[in-house]
């Protein structure tokens, strides 16, 4: 069994992840009015929430950069490729699962632009989960064949 993931798809996933990192502040401010809610927290909790937000932004950007700069390395069926694609794939599968399980409870502003953005972002998240899970499986199969 061999899964062939074309480089352009990995690069598309990388560009999309960088895009999510860059658009993240806009979504926090314009869509969710995030800082209004964060201001209701105790000062330490405010900083913790902001830090986690930066972690998410940094991970998305870093994963995208790896996909752009290390495209071939992410599918070379080495233990490191397996670990990194497993991390990225698991991250996005977790994001999609969280989105499905918990986020529908929250009210997203009903402006047409926000609805379109919501569908677009969810499509990107599914793309990332699919591409990097497929890469993980590809790397796992390659490693298992050498054993």
Protein backbone atom coordinates (compact mmCIF):
# COMPACT_ATOMS: atom_id res chain seq x y z
CA UNK A 1 0.00 0.00 0.00
CA UNK A 2 1.46 3.31 -1.05
CA UNK A 3 -0.07 6.73 -0.69
CA UNK A 4 1.26 9.33 -3.11
CA UNK A 5 0.78 12.83 -1.74
CA UNK A 6 1.75 15.38 -4.40
CA UNK A 7 4.07 18.18 -3.36
CA UNK A 8 1.59 20.82 -4.49
CA UNK A 9 -0.93 19.51 -1.96
CA UNK A 10 1.58 19.68 0.88
CA UNK A 11 2.56 23.20 -0.22
CA UNK A 12 -1.11 24.20 -0.40
CA UNK A 13 -1.52 22.88 3.15
CA UNK A 14 1.55 24.85 4.22
CA UNK A 15 0.28 28.08 2.68
CA UNK A 16 -3.10 27.50 4.30
CA UNK A 17 -1.56 27.00 7.72
CA UNK A 18 0.45 30.20 7.40
CA UNK A 19 -2.74 31.94 6.28
CA UNK A 20 -4.57 30.70 9.39
CA UNK A 21 -1.76 32.06 11.57
CA UNK A 22 -1.91 35.46 9.88
CA UNK A 23 -5.73 35.69 9.90
CA UNK A 24 -6.03 34.51 13.51
CA UNK A 25 -5.86 38.03 15.07
CA UNK A 26 -8.58 39.27 12.70
CA UNK A 27 -10.85 36.38 13.64
CA UNK A 28 -10.28 36.95 17.35
CA UNK A 29 -11.14 40.65 17.08
CA UNK A 30 -13.74 40.91 14.33
CA UNK A 31 -15.60 37.62 14.54
CA UNK A 32 -15.45 36.65 18.20
CA UNK A 33 -14.79 40.00 19.94
CA UNK A 34 -12.33 37.90 21.92
CA UNK A 35 -10.63 40.60 23.94
CA UNK A 36 -13.93 41.84 25.39
CA UNK A 37 -14.46 38.38 26.87
CA UNK A 38 -10.82 37.99 27.92
CA UNK A 39 -10.99 41.28 29.86
CA UNK A 40 -13.58 39.65 32.14
CA UNK A 41 -10.97 37.18 33.40
CA UNK A 42 -8.55 37.73 36.27
CA UNK A 43 -5.25 39.29 35.09
CA UNK A 44 -3.27 36.05 35.33
CA UNK A 45 -5.95 34.13 33.42
CA UNK A 46 -5.98 36.89 30.78
CA UNK A 47 -2.27 36.37 30.21
CA UNK A 48 -2.62 32.59 30.12
CA UNK A 49 -5.38 32.79 27.49
CA UNK A 50 -3.36 35.26 25.41
CA UNK A 51 -0.32 33.00 25.66
CA UNK A 52 -2.30 29.99 24.45
CA UNK A 53 -3.61 32.07 21.57
CA UNK A 54 -0.03 32.92 20.60
CA UNK A 55 0.94 29.25 20.87
CA UNK A 56 -1.82 28.33 18.43
CA UNK A 57 -0.75 31.08 16.05
CA UNK A 58 2.90 30.06 16.32
CA UNK A 59 2.19 26.38 15.77
CA UNK A 60 0.05 27.08 12.70
CA UNK A 61 2.77 29.29 11.24
CA UNK A 62 5.55 26.80 12.08
CA UNK A 63 3.68 23.82 10.64
CA UNK A 64 3.05 25.81 7.47
CA UNK A 65 6.69 26.83 7.20
CA UNK A 66 7.79 23.21 7.58
CA UNK A 67 5.41 22.16 4.81
CA UNK A 68 6.80 24.85 2.49
CA UNK A 69 10.50 24.39 3.25
CA UNK A 70 10.65 20.65 3.99
CA UNK A 71 8.08 19.26 1.57
CA UNK A 72 10.15 16.24 0.49
CA UNK A 73 11.44 15.62 4.01
CA UNK A 74 7.89 15.34 5.33
CA UNK A 75 7.28 12.31 3.12
CA UNK A 76 10.67 10.58 3.15
CA UNK A 77 9.47 7.76 5.43
CA UNK A 78 11.98 8.37 8.20
CA UNK A 79 11.13 8.21 11.91
CA UNK A 80 11.41 12.01 12.12
CA UNK A 81 9.01 12.47 9.19
CA UNK A 82 6.63 10.03 10.91
CA UNK A 83 6.84 11.97 14.19
CA UNK A 84 6.36 15.40 12.64
CA UNK A 85 3.52 14.41 10.31
CA UNK A 86 1.88 12.55 13.21
CA UNK A 87 2.12 15.68 15.35
CA UNK A 88 0.74 17.97 12.64
CA UNK A 89 -1.96 15.50 11.57
CA UNK A 90 -3.01 14.86 15.17
CA UNK A 91 -3.10 18.59 15.88
CA UNK A 92 -5.49 19.21 12.97
CA UNK A 93 -7.62 16.11 13.58
CA UNK A 94 -8.01 17.36 17.15
CA UNK A 95 -8.95 20.82 15.87
CA UNK A 96 -11.59 19.39 13.53
CA UNK A 97 -12.99 17.11 16.27
CA UNK A 98 -13.15 20.04 18.70
CA UNK A 99 -14.81 22.19 16.06
CA UNK A 100 -17.51 19.56 15.51
CA UNK A 101 -18.00 18.57 19.14
CA UNK A 102 -17.95 21.94 20.90
CA UNK A 103 -18.00 24.98 18.64
CA UNK A 104 -21.55 24.61 17.27
CA UNK A 105 -22.72 25.59 20.77
CA UNK A 106 -21.25 29.05 20.27
CA UNK A 107 -22.91 31.83 18.41
CA UNK A 108 -20.98 33.14 15.40
CA UNK A 109 -22.20 36.50 14.10
CA UNK A 110 -24.68 35.90 11.29
CA UNK A 111 -23.13 38.36 8.85
CA UNK A 112 -22.79 36.74 5.38
CA UNK A 113 -19.03 37.37 5.32
CA UNK A 114 -18.54 35.53 8.62
CA UNK A 115 -20.62 32.57 7.41
CA UNK A 116 -18.48 32.28 4.26
CA UNK A 117 -15.30 32.64 6.34
CA UNK A 118 -16.51 29.92 8.68
CA UNK A 119 -17.06 27.44 5.84
CA UNK A 120 -13.72 28.39 4.26
CA UNK A 121 -11.77 27.99 7.51
CA UNK A 122 -13.44 24.66 8.31
CA UNK A 123 -12.60 23.43 4.82
CA UNK A 124 -8.98 24.39 5.41
CA UNK A 125 -8.92 22.57 8.76
CA UNK A 126 -10.26 19.39 7.13
CA UNK A 127 -7.69 19.75 4.33
CA UNK A 128 -4.85 20.04 6.85
CA UNK A 129 -6.10 17.05 8.85
CA UNK A 130 -6.44 14.95 5.70
CA UNK A 131 -3.11 15.86 4.11
CA UNK A 132 -1.01 15.42 7.22
CA UNK A 133 -2.79 12.27 8.35
CA UNK A 134 -2.20 10.82 4.88
CA UNK A 135 1.47 11.81 5.16
CA UNK A 136 1.65 10.13 8.56
CA UNK A 137 0.15 6.91 7.13
CA UNK A 138 2.53 7.09 4.14
CA UNK A 139 5.52 7.44 6.49
CA UNK A 140 4.27 4.70 8.80
CA UNK A 141 3.78 2.24 5.91
CA UNK A 142 7.28 3.02 4.60
CA UNK A 143 8.86 2.45 8.00
CA UNK A 144 6.94 -0.76 8.60
CA UNK A 145 8.08 -2.12 5.22
CA UNK A 146 11.74 -1.77 6.29
CA UNK A 147 11.22 -3.76 9.48
